[in-house]
Amino acid sequence: AFFWLLSLLAASLLWFVSVQLSGREDAALLLLGAAAAVL
C-alpha cells in the first residue's frame, strides 16, 4: 500500500507540474496524466 501511495504522490506532482507549464487542463492532458499514473 505504501508503494502505491508513492506512485500516487509522484503522479500528483507530475500532474501539478504539467498543468503549471502548459496552463491548461484539457482531455488530452488528462489522458496523458492517467497513462503516466498507470506506468
PDB file of all heavy atoms in Angstrom:
ATOM      1  N   ALA A   1       0.831  -1.196   0.000  1.00  0.00           N
ATOM      2  CA  ALA A   1       0.000   0.000   0.000  1.00  0.00           C
ATOM      3  C   ALA A   1       0.876   1.260   0.000  1.00  0.00           C
ATOM      4  O   ALA A   1       0.545   2.254  -0.644  1.00  0.00           O
ATOM      5  CB  ALA A   1      -0.934  -0.014   1.213  1.00  0.00           C
ATOM      6  N   PHE A   2       1.993   1.199   0.721  1.00  0.00           N
ATOM      7  CA  PHE A   2       2.904   2.342   0.770  1.00  0.00           C
ATOM      8  C   PHE A   2       3.480   2.631  -0.615  1.00  0.00           C
ATOM      9  O   PHE A   2       3.598   3.799  -1.020  1.00  0.00           O
ATOM     10  CB  PHE A   2       4.025   2.065   1.760  1.00  0.00           C
ATOM     11  CG  PHE A   2       5.094   3.121   1.779  1.00  0.00           C
ATOM     12  CD1 PHE A   2       4.860   4.357   2.356  1.00  0.00           C
ATOM     13  CD2 PHE A   2       6.333   2.877   1.212  1.00  0.00           C
ATOM     14  CE1 PHE A   2       5.848   5.340   2.362  1.00  0.00           C
ATOM     15  CE2 PHE A   2       7.327   3.840   1.228  1.00  0.00           C
ATOM     16  CZ  PHE A   2       7.087   5.076   1.802  1.00  0.00           C
ATOM     17  N   PHE A   3       3.814   1.588  -1.360  1.00  0.00           N
ATOM     18  CA  PHE A   3       4.365   1.787  -2.697  1.00  0.00           C
ATOM     19  C   PHE A   3       3.318   2.389  -3.632  1.00  0.00           C
ATOM     20  O   PHE A   3       3.648   3.224  -4.496  1.00  0.00           O
ATOM     21  CB  PHE A   3       4.887   0.456  -3.260  1.00  0.00           C
ATOM     22  CG  PHE A   3       6.255   0.100  -2.772  1.00  0.00           C
ATOM     23  CD1 PHE A   3       6.419  -0.716  -1.673  1.00  0.00           C
ATOM     24  CD2 PHE A   3       7.388   0.590  -3.402  1.00  0.00           C
ATOM     25  CE1 PHE A   3       7.681  -1.046  -1.212  1.00  0.00           C
ATOM     26  CE2 PHE A   3       8.658   0.270  -2.955  1.00  0.00           C
ATOM     27  CZ  PHE A   3       8.806  -0.550  -1.860  1.00  0.00           C
ATOM     28  N   TRP A   4       2.058   1.989  -3.480  1.00  0.00           N
ATOM     29  CA  TRP A   4       1.008   2.590  -4.311  1.00  0.00           C
ATOM     30  C   TRP A   4       0.857   4.065  -3.966  1.00  0.00           C
ATOM     31  O   TRP A   4       0.643   4.897  -4.857  1.00  0.00           O
ATOM     32  CB  TRP A   4      -0.314   1.854  -4.109  1.00  0.00           C
ATOM     33  CG  TRP A   4      -1.367   2.296  -5.073  1.00  0.00           C
ATOM     34  CD1 TRP A   4      -1.632   1.768  -6.304  1.00  0.00           C
ATOM     35  CD2 TRP A   4      -2.290   3.381  -4.903  1.00  0.00           C
ATOM     36  NE1 TRP A   4      -2.661   2.458  -6.916  1.00  0.00           N
ATOM     37  CE2 TRP A   4      -3.082   3.457  -6.069  1.00  0.00           C
ATOM     38  CE3 TRP A   4      -2.521   4.305  -3.883  1.00  0.00           C
ATOM     39  CZ2 TRP A   4      -4.091   4.394  -6.240  1.00  0.00           C
ATOM     40  CZ3 TRP A   4      -3.519   5.253  -4.050  1.00  0.00           C
ATOM     41  CH2 TRP A   4      -4.298   5.287  -5.211  1.00  0.00           C
ATOM     42  N   LEU A   5       0.937   4.407  -2.684  1.00  0.00           N
ATOM     43  CA  LEU A   5       0.854   5.805  -2.275  1.00  0.00           C
ATOM     44  C   LEU A   5       2.018   6.616  -2.839  1.00  0.00           C
ATOM     45  O   LEU A   5       1.855   7.789  -3.187  1.00  0.00           O
ATOM     46  CB  LEU A   5       0.822   5.905  -0.753  1.00  0.00           C
ATOM     47  CG  LEU A   5      -0.457   5.408  -0.078  1.00  0.00           C
ATOM     48  CD1 LEU A   5      -0.287   5.389   1.438  1.00  0.00           C
ATOM     49  CD2 LEU A   5      -1.639   6.276  -0.459  1.00  0.00           C
ATOM     50  N   LEU A   6       3.194   5.994  -2.938  1.00  0.00           N
ATOM     51  CA  LEU A   6       4.328   6.685  -3.561  1.00  0.00           C
ATOM     52  C   LEU A   6       4.030   6.994  -5.027  1.00  0.00           C
ATOM     53  O   LEU A   6       4.360   8.077  -5.526  1.00  0.00           O
ATOM     54  CB  LEU A   6       5.584   5.824  -3.454  1.00  0.00           C
ATOM     55  CG  LEU A   6       6.268   5.751  -2.091  1.00  0.00           C
ATOM     56  CD1 LEU A   6       7.493   4.845  -2.164  1.00  0.00           C
ATOM     57  CD2 LEU A   6       6.665   7.137  -1.599  1.00  0.00           C
ATOM     58  N   SER A   7       3.429   6.032  -5.720  1.00  0.00           N
ATOM     59  CA  SER A   7       3.081   6.267  -7.130  1.00  0.00           C
ATOM     60  C   SER A   7       2.040   7.374  -7.251  1.00  0.00           C
ATOM     61  O   SER A   7       2.083   8.187  -8.183  1.00  0.00           O
ATOM     62  CB  SER A   7       2.559   4.976  -7.764  1.00  0.00           C
ATOM     63  OG  SER A   7       1.285   4.628  -7.263  1.00  0.00           O
ATOM     64  N   LEU A   8       1.088   7.415  -6.310  1.00  0.00           N
ATOM     65  CA  LEU A   8       0.084   8.485  -6.327  1.00  0.00           C
ATOM     66  C   LEU A   8       0.724   9.850  -6.100  1.00  0.00           C
ATOM     67  O   LEU A   8       0.372  10.835  -6.767  1.00  0.00           O
ATOM     68  CB  LEU A   8      -0.971   8.210  -5.257  1.00  0.00           C
ATOM     69  CG  LEU A   8      -2.085   9.257  -5.117  1.00  0.00           C
ATOM     70  CD1 LEU A   8      -2.925   9.308  -6.383  1.00  0.00           C
ATOM     71  CD2 LEU A   8      -2.957   8.954  -3.910  1.00  0.00           C
ATOM     72  N   LEU A   9       1.683   9.916  -5.182  1.00  0.00           N
ATOM     73  CA  LEU A   9       2.386  11.177  -4.919  1.00  0.00           C
ATOM     74  C   LEU A   9       3.164  11.620  -6.152  1.00  0.00           C
ATOM     75  O   LEU A   9       3.123  12.806  -6.533  1.00  0.00           O
ATOM     76  CB  LEU A   9       3.331  11.003  -3.731  1.00  0.00           C
ATOM     77  CG  LEU A   9       4.227  12.196  -3.390  1.00  0.00           C
ATOM     78  CD1 LEU A   9       3.383  13.410  -3.012  1.00  0.00           C
ATOM     79  CD2 LEU A   9       5.186  11.838  -2.258  1.00  0.00           C
ATOM     80  N   ALA A  10       3.857  10.681  -6.789  1.00  0.00           N
ATOM     81  CA  ALA A  10       4.631  11.027  -7.985  1.00  0.00           C
ATOM     82  C   ALA A  10       3.715  11.483  -9.116  1.00  0.00           C
ATOM     83  O   ALA A  10       4.014  12.448  -9.831  1.00  0.00           O
ATOM     84  CB  ALA A  10       5.463   9.824  -8.425  1.00  0.00           C
ATOM     85  N   ALA A  11       2.577  10.795  -9.288  1.00  0.00           N
ATOM     86  CA  ALA A  11       1.636  11.190 -10.338  1.00  0.00           C
ATOM     87  C   ALA A  11       1.026  12.562 -10.059  1.00  0.00           C
ATOM     88  O   ALA A  11       0.826  13.365 -10.983  1.00  0.00           O
ATOM     89  CB  ALA A  11       0.531  10.140 -10.461  1.00  0.00           C
ATOM     90  N   SER A  12       0.754  12.850  -8.786  1.00  0.00           N
ATOM     91  CA  SER A  12       0.198  14.160  -8.431  1.00  0.00           C
ATOM     92  C   SER A  12       1.196  15.276  -8.709  1.00  0.00           C
ATOM     93  O   SER A  12       0.828  16.346  -9.226  1.00  0.00           O
ATOM     94  CB  SER A  12      -0.203  14.173  -6.953  1.00  0.00           C
ATOM     95  OG  SER A  12      -1.159  13.175  -6.681  1.00  0.00           O
ATOM     96  N   LEU A  13       2.450  15.048  -8.360  1.00  0.00           N
ATOM     97  CA  LEU A  13       3.478  16.053  -8.638  1.00  0.00           C
ATOM     98  C   LEU A  13       3.654  16.267 -10.139  1.00  0.00           C
ATOM     99  O   LEU A  13       3.808  17.410 -10.604  1.00  0.00           O
ATOM    100  CB  LEU A  13       4.802  15.623  -8.005  1.00  0.00           C
ATOM    101  CG  LEU A  13       4.859  15.642  -6.473  1.00  0.00           C
ATOM    102  CD1 LEU A  13       6.178  15.049  -5.984  1.00  0.00           C
ATOM    103  CD2 LEU A  13       4.663  17.049  -5.934  1.00  0.00           C
ATOM    104  N   LEU A  14       3.622  15.162 -10.894  1.00  0.00           N
ATOM    105  CA  LEU A  14       3.752  15.269 -12.348  1.00  0.00           C
ATOM    106  C   LEU A  14       2.578  16.037 -12.952  1.00  0.00           C
ATOM    107  O   LEU A  14       2.762  16.873 -13.846  1.00  0.00           O
ATOM    108  CB  LEU A  14       3.840  13.864 -12.957  1.00  0.00           C
ATOM    109  CG  LEU A  14       4.019  13.789 -14.476  1.00  0.00           C
ATOM    110  CD1 LEU A  14       5.329  14.449 -14.888  1.00  0.00           C
ATOM    111  CD2 LEU A  14       3.989  12.333 -14.937  1.00  0.00           C
ATOM    112  N   TRP A  15       1.371  15.772 -12.435  1.00  0.00           N
ATOM    113  CA  TRP A  15       0.188  16.488 -12.931  1.00  0.00           C
ATOM    114  C   TRP A  15       0.274  17.979 -12.603  1.00  0.00           C
ATOM    115  O   TRP A  15      -0.040  18.824 -13.438  1.00  0.00           O
ATOM    116  CB  TRP A  15      -1.059  15.865 -12.317  1.00  0.00           C
ATOM    117  CG  TRP A  15      -2.314  16.641 -12.574  1.00  0.00           C
ATOM    118  CD1 TRP A  15      -2.974  17.469 -11.724  1.00  0.00           C
ATOM    119  CD2 TRP A  15      -3.061  16.661 -13.800  1.00  0.00           C
ATOM    120  NE1 TRP A  15      -4.090  18.016 -12.326  1.00  0.00           N
ATOM    121  CE2 TRP A  15      -4.161  17.529 -13.602  1.00  0.00           C
ATOM    122  CE3 TRP A  15      -2.904  16.035 -15.030  1.00  0.00           C
ATOM    123  CZ2 TRP A  15      -5.095  17.771 -14.594  1.00  0.00           C
ATOM    124  CZ3 TRP A  15      -3.839  16.290 -16.025  1.00  0.00           C
ATOM    125  CH2 TRP A  15      -4.922  17.135 -15.802  1.00  0.00           C
ATOM    126  N   PHE A  16       0.705  18.297 -11.404  1.00  0.00           N
ATOM    127  CA  PHE A  16       0.818  19.698 -10.989  1.00  0.00           C
ATOM    128  C   PHE A  16       1.811  20.446 -11.874  1.00  0.00           C
ATOM    129  O   PHE A  16       1.538  21.560 -12.331  1.00  0.00           O
ATOM    130  CB  PHE A  16       1.249  19.768  -9.528  1.00  0.00           C
ATOM    131  CG  PHE A  16       1.456  21.164  -9.017  1.00  0.00           C
ATOM    132  CD1 PHE A  16       0.370  21.970  -8.684  1.00  0.00           C
ATOM    133  CD2 PHE A  16       2.735  21.680  -8.875  1.00  0.00           C
ATOM    134  CE1 PHE A  16       0.568  23.267  -8.223  1.00  0.00           C
ATOM    135  CE2 PHE A  16       2.941  22.967  -8.421  1.00  0.00           C
ATOM    136  CZ  PHE A  16       1.855  23.769  -8.095  1.00  0.00           C
ATOM    137  N   VAL A  17       2.956  19.828 -12.122  1.00  0.00           N
ATOM    138  CA  VAL A  17       3.978  20.481 -12.951  1.00  0.00           C
ATOM    139  C   VAL A  17       3.476  20.644 -14.383  1.00  0.00           C
ATOM    140  O   VAL A  17       3.676  21.694 -15.024  1.00  0.00           O
ATOM    141  CB  VAL A  17       5.286  19.658 -12.914  1.00  0.00           C
ATOM    142  CG1 VAL A  17       6.294  20.215 -13.919  1.00  0.00           C
ATOM    143  CG2 VAL A  17       5.890  19.677 -11.519  1.00  0.00           C
ATOM    144  N   SER A  18       2.792  19.616 -14.911  1.00  0.00           N
ATOM    145  CA  SER A  18       2.296  19.678 -16.290  1.00  0.00           C
ATOM    146  C   SER A  18       1.264  20.779 -16.460  1.00  0.00           C
ATOM    147  O   SER A  18       1.278  21.522 -17.456  1.00  0.00           O
ATOM    148  CB  SER A  18       1.678  18.324 -16.685  1.00  0.00           C
ATOM    149  OG  SER A  18       2.629  17.286 -16.579  1.00  0.00           O
ATOM    150  N   VAL A  19       0.362  20.912 -15.488  1.00  0.00           N
ATOM    151  CA  VAL A  19      -0.665  21.950 -15.572  1.00  0.00           C
ATOM    152  C   VAL A  19      -0.042  23.336 -15.473  1.00  0.00           C
ATOM    153  O   VAL A  19      -0.428  24.270 -16.190  1.00  0.00           O
ATOM    154  CB  VAL A  19      -1.720  21.743 -14.466  1.00  0.00           C
ATOM    155  CG1 VAL A  19      -2.657  22.936 -14.377  1.00  0.00           C
ATOM    156  CG2 VAL A  19      -2.515  20.467 -14.726  1.00  0.00           C
ATOM    157  N   GLN A  20       0.959  23.477 -14.591  1.00  0.00           N
ATOM    158  CA  GLN A  20       1.601  24.791 -14.436  1.00  0.00           C
ATOM    159  C   GLN A  20       2.375  25.193 -15.684  1.00  0.00           C
ATOM    160  O   GLN A  20       2.372  26.367 -16.072  1.00  0.00           O
ATOM    161  CB  GLN A  20       2.545  24.759 -13.228  1.00  0.00           C
ATOM    162  CG  GLN A  20       1.835  24.615 -11.889  1.00  0.00           C
ATOM    163  CD  GLN A  20       0.901  25.762 -11.590  1.00  0.00           C
ATOM    164  OE1 GLN A  20       1.230  26.929 -11.833  1.00  0.00           O
ATOM    165  NE2 GLN A  20      -0.268  25.451 -11.052  1.00  0.00           N
ATOM    166  N   LEU A  21       3.007  24.218 -16.339  1.00  0.00           N
ATOM    167  CA  LEU A  21       3.797  24.535 -17.529  1.00  0.00           C
ATOM    168  C   LEU A  21       2.924  24.781 -18.756  1.00  0.00           C
ATOM    169  O   LEU A  21       3.222  25.658 -19.566  1.00  0.00           O
ATOM    170  CB  LEU A  21       4.780  23.393 -17.818  1.00  0.00           C
ATOM    171  CG  LEU A  21       5.907  23.200 -16.800  1.00  0.00           C
ATOM    172  CD1 LEU A  21       6.774  22.000 -17.165  1.00  0.00           C
ATOM    173  CD2 LEU A  21       6.778  24.455 -16.706  1.00  0.00           C
ATOM    174  N   SER A  22       1.865  23.996 -18.892  1.00  0.00           N
ATOM    175  CA  SER A  22       1.005  24.137 -20.072  1.00  0.00           C
ATOM    176  C   SER A  22      -0.079  25.191 -19.885  1.00  0.00           C
ATOM    177  O   SER A  22      -0.560  25.774 -20.863  1.00  0.00           O
ATOM    178  CB  SER A  22       0.351  22.789 -20.405  1.00  0.00           C
ATOM    179  OG  SER A  22      -0.479  22.362 -19.332  1.00  0.00           O
ATOM    180  N   GLY A  23      -0.491  25.422 -18.643  1.00  0.00           N
ATOM    181  CA  GLY A  23      -1.534  26.393 -18.375  1.00  0.00           C
ATOM    182  C   GLY A  23      -2.913  25.963 -18.818  1.00  0.00           C
ATOM    183  O   GLY A  23      -3.799  26.796 -19.035  1.00  0.00           O
ATOM    184  N   ARG A  24      -3.148  24.668 -18.987  1.00  0.00           N
ATOM    185  CA  ARG A  24      -4.455  24.167 -19.415  1.00  0.00           C
ATOM    186  C   ARG A  24      -4.703  22.797 -18.788  1.00  0.00           C
ATOM    187  O   ARG A  24      -3.791  22.125 -18.337  1.00  0.00           O
ATOM    188  CB  ARG A  24      -4.522  24.059 -20.943  1.00  0.00           C
ATOM    189  CG  ARG A  24      -3.427  23.170 -21.551  1.00  0.00           C
ATOM    190  CD  ARG A  24      -3.405  23.252 -23.070  1.00  0.00           C
ATOM    191  NE  ARG A  24      -2.316  22.464 -23.631  1.00  0.00           N
ATOM    192  CZ  ARG A  24      -2.407  21.176 -23.927  1.00  0.00           C
ATOM    193  NH1 ARG A  24      -3.543  20.535 -23.704  1.00  0.00           N
ATOM    194  NH2 ARG A  24      -1.382  20.519 -24.445  1.00  0.00           N
ATOM    195  N   GLU A  25      -5.991  22.404 -18.790  1.00  0.00           N
ATOM    196  CA  GLU A  25      -6.389  21.107 -18.255  1.00  0.00           C
ATOM    197  C   GLU A  25      -7.414  20.480 -19.196  1.00  0.00           C
ATOM    198  O   GLU A  25      -8.573  20.297 -18.848  1.00  0.00           O
ATOM    199  CB  GLU A  25      -6.986  21.252 -16.850  1.00  0.00           C
ATOM    200  CG  GLU A  25      -6.032  21.770 -15.803  1.00  0.00           C
ATOM    201  CD  GLU A  25      -6.663  21.808 -14.421  1.00  0.00           C
ATOM    202  OE1 GLU A  25      -7.646  21.079 -14.189  1.00  0.00           O
ATOM    203  OE2 GLU A  25      -6.177  22.571 -13.570  1.00  0.00           O
ATOM    204  N   ASP A  26      -6.986  20.134 -20.411  1.00  0.00           N
ATOM    205  CA  ASP A  26      -7.910  19.569 -21.386  1.00  0.00           C
ATOM    206  C   ASP A  26      -7.912  18.043 -21.306  1.00  0.00           C
ATOM    207  O   ASP A  26      -7.203  17.434 -20.492  1.00  0.00           O
ATOM    208  CB  ASP A  26      -7.556  20.040 -22.796  1.00  0.00           C
ATOM    209  CG  ASP A  26      -6.098  19.739 -23.145  1.00  0.00           C
ATOM    210  OD1 ASP A  26      -5.417  19.095 -22.321  1.00  0.00           O
ATOM    211  OD2 ASP A  26      -5.653  20.147 -24.231  1.00  0.00           O
ATOM    212  N   ALA A  27      -8.705  17.427 -22.171  1.00  0.00           N
ATOM    213  CA  ALA A  27      -8.864  15.978 -22.152  1.00  0.00           C
ATOM    214  C   ALA A  27      -7.570  15.253 -22.523  1.00  0.00           C
ATOM    215  O   ALA A  27      -7.259  14.187 -21.977  1.00  0.00           O
ATOM    216  CB  ALA A  27      -9.989  15.567 -23.100  1.00  0.00           C
ATOM    217  N   ALA A  28      -6.812  15.817 -23.458  1.00  0.00           N
ATOM    218  CA  ALA A  28      -5.563  15.174 -23.880  1.00  0.00           C
ATOM    219  C   ALA A  28      -4.561  15.106 -22.728  1.00  0.00           C
ATOM    220  O   ALA A  28      -3.909  14.077 -22.513  1.00  0.00           O
ATOM    221  CB  ALA A  28      -4.953  15.934 -25.062  1.00  0.00           C
ATOM    222  N   LEU A  29      -4.470  16.197 -21.985  1.00  0.00           N
ATOM    223  CA  LEU A  29      -3.553  16.209 -20.842  1.00  0.00           C
ATOM    224  C   LEU A  29      -4.035  15.244 -19.760  1.00  0.00           C
ATOM    225  O   LEU A  29      -3.219  14.590 -19.087  1.00  0.00           O
ATOM    226  CB  LEU A  29      -3.448  17.624 -20.283  1.00  0.00           C
ATOM    227  CG  LEU A  29      -2.408  17.836 -19.177  1.00  0.00           C
ATOM    228  CD1 LEU A  29      -1.012  17.547 -19.696  1.00  0.00           C
ATOM    229  CD2 LEU A  29      -2.484  19.256 -18.634  1.00  0.00           C
ATOM    230  N   LEU A  30      -5.355  15.121 -19.611  1.00  0.00           N
ATOM    231  CA  LEU A  30      -5.898  14.190 -18.624  1.00  0.00           C
ATOM    232  C   LEU A  30      -5.602  12.746 -18.997  1.00  0.00           C
ATOM    233  O   LEU A  30      -5.272  11.921 -18.140  1.00  0.00           O
ATOM    234  CB  LEU A  30      -7.408  14.406 -18.495  1.00  0.00           C
ATOM    235  CG  LEU A  30      -8.109  13.669 -17.352  1.00  0.00           C
ATOM    236  CD1 LEU A  30      -7.547  14.102 -16.014  1.00  0.00           C
ATOM    237  CD2 LEU A  30      -9.618  13.915 -17.403  1.00  0.00           C
ATOM    238  N   LEU A  31      -5.694  12.427 -20.281  1.00  0.00           N
ATOM    239  CA  LEU A  31      -5.366  11.071 -20.751  1.00  0.00           C
ATOM    240  C   LEU A  31      -3.890  10.755 -20.520  1.00  0.00           C
ATOM    241  O   LEU A  31      -3.541   9.656 -20.070  1.00  0.00           O
ATOM    242  CB  LEU A  31      -5.707  10.936 -22.231  1.00  0.00           C
ATOM    243  CG  LEU A  31      -7.180  10.732 -22.581  1.00  0.00           C
ATOM    244  CD1 LEU A  31      -7.390  10.859 -24.089  1.00  0.00           C
ATOM    245  CD2 LEU A  31      -7.650   9.368 -22.092  1.00  0.00           C
ATOM    246  N   LEU A  32      -3.030  11.723 -20.837  1.00  0.00           N
ATOM    247  CA  LEU A  32      -1.602  11.522 -20.603  1.00  0.00           C
ATOM    248  C   LEU A  32      -1.306  11.368 -19.118  1.00  0.00           C
ATOM    249  O   LEU A  32      -0.452  10.562 -18.722  1.00  0.00           O
ATOM    250  CB  LEU A  32      -0.814  12.693 -21.188  1.00  0.00           C
ATOM    251  CG  LEU A  32      -0.774  12.802 -22.713  1.00  0.00           C
ATOM    252  CD1 LEU A  32      -0.060  14.075 -23.145  1.00  0.00           C
ATOM    253  CD2 LEU A  32      -0.087  11.579 -23.321  1.00  0.00           C
ATOM    254  N   GLY A  33      -2.003  12.130 -18.282  1.00  0.00           N
ATOM    255  CA  GLY A  33      -1.809  12.015 -16.843  1.00  0.00           C
ATOM    256  C   GLY A  33      -2.237  10.660 -16.311  1.00  0.00           C
ATOM    257  O   GLY A  33      -1.564  10.082 -15.450  1.00  0.00           O
ATOM    258  N   ALA A  34      -3.352  10.136 -16.827  1.00  0.00           N
ATOM    259  CA  ALA A  34      -3.816   8.810 -16.400  1.00  0.00           C
ATOM    260  C   ALA A  34      -2.836   7.725 -16.834  1.00  0.00           C
ATOM    261  O   ALA A  34      -2.547   6.787 -16.071  1.00  0.00           O
ATOM    262  CB  ALA A  34      -5.194   8.541 -16.978  1.00  0.00           C
ATOM    263  N   ALA A  35      -2.312   7.829 -18.063  1.00  0.00           N
ATOM    264  CA  ALA A  35      -1.329   6.852 -18.541  1.00  0.00           C
ATOM    265  C   ALA A  35      -0.047   6.907 -17.712  1.00  0.00           C
ATOM    266  O   ALA A  35       0.531   5.873 -17.357  1.00  0.00           O
ATOM    267  CB  ALA A  35      -1.016   7.109 -20.015  1.00  0.00           C
ATOM    268  N   ALA A  36       0.384   8.127 -17.381  1.00  0.00           N
ATOM    269  CA  ALA A  36       1.587   8.269 -16.542  1.00  0.00           C
ATOM    270  C   ALA A  36       1.349   7.686 -15.153  1.00  0.00           C
ATOM    271  O   ALA A  36       2.247   7.057 -14.574  1.00  0.00           O
ATOM    272  CB  ALA A  36       1.972   9.741 -16.442  1.00  0.00           C
ATOM    273  N   ALA A  37       0.149   7.878 -14.604  1.00  0.00           N
ATOM    274  CA  ALA A  37      -0.157   7.323 -13.286  1.00  0.00           C
ATOM    275  C   ALA A  37      -0.120   5.800 -13.301  1.00  0.00           C
ATOM    276  O   ALA A  37       0.376   5.164 -12.358  1.00  0.00           O
ATOM    277  CB  ALA A  37      -1.539   7.810 -12.831  1.00  0.00           C
ATOM    278  N   VAL A  38      -0.634   5.188 -14.380  1.00  0.00           N
ATOM    279  CA  VAL A  38      -0.593   3.725 -14.507  1.00  0.00           C
ATOM    280  C   VAL A  38       0.846   3.227 -14.573  1.00  0.00           C
ATOM    281  O   VAL A  38       1.223   2.256 -13.910  1.00  0.00           O
ATOM    282  CB  VAL A  38      -1.380   3.284 -15.754  1.00  0.00           C
ATOM    283  CG1 VAL A  38      -1.121   1.824 -16.066  1.00  0.00           C
ATOM    284  CG2 VAL A  38      -2.872   3.519 -15.542  1.00  0.00           C
ATOM    285  N   LEU A  39       1.667   3.887 -15.388  1.00  0.00           N
ATOM    286  CA  LEU A  39       3.066   3.472 -15.520  1.00  0.00           C
ATOM    287  C   LEU A  39       3.818   3.636 -14.203  1.00  0.00           C
ATOM    288  O   LEU A  39       4.663   2.794 -13.848  1.00  0.00           O
ATOM    289  CB  LEU A  39       3.743   4.289 -16.621  1.00  0.00           C
ATOM    290  CG  LEU A  39       3.192   4.061 -18.040  1.00  0.00           C
ATOM    291  CD1 LEU A  39       3.896   4.990 -19.028  1.00  0.00           C
ATOM    292  CD2 LEU A  39       3.362   2.606 -18.470  1.00  0.00           C
TER     293      LEU A  39
END
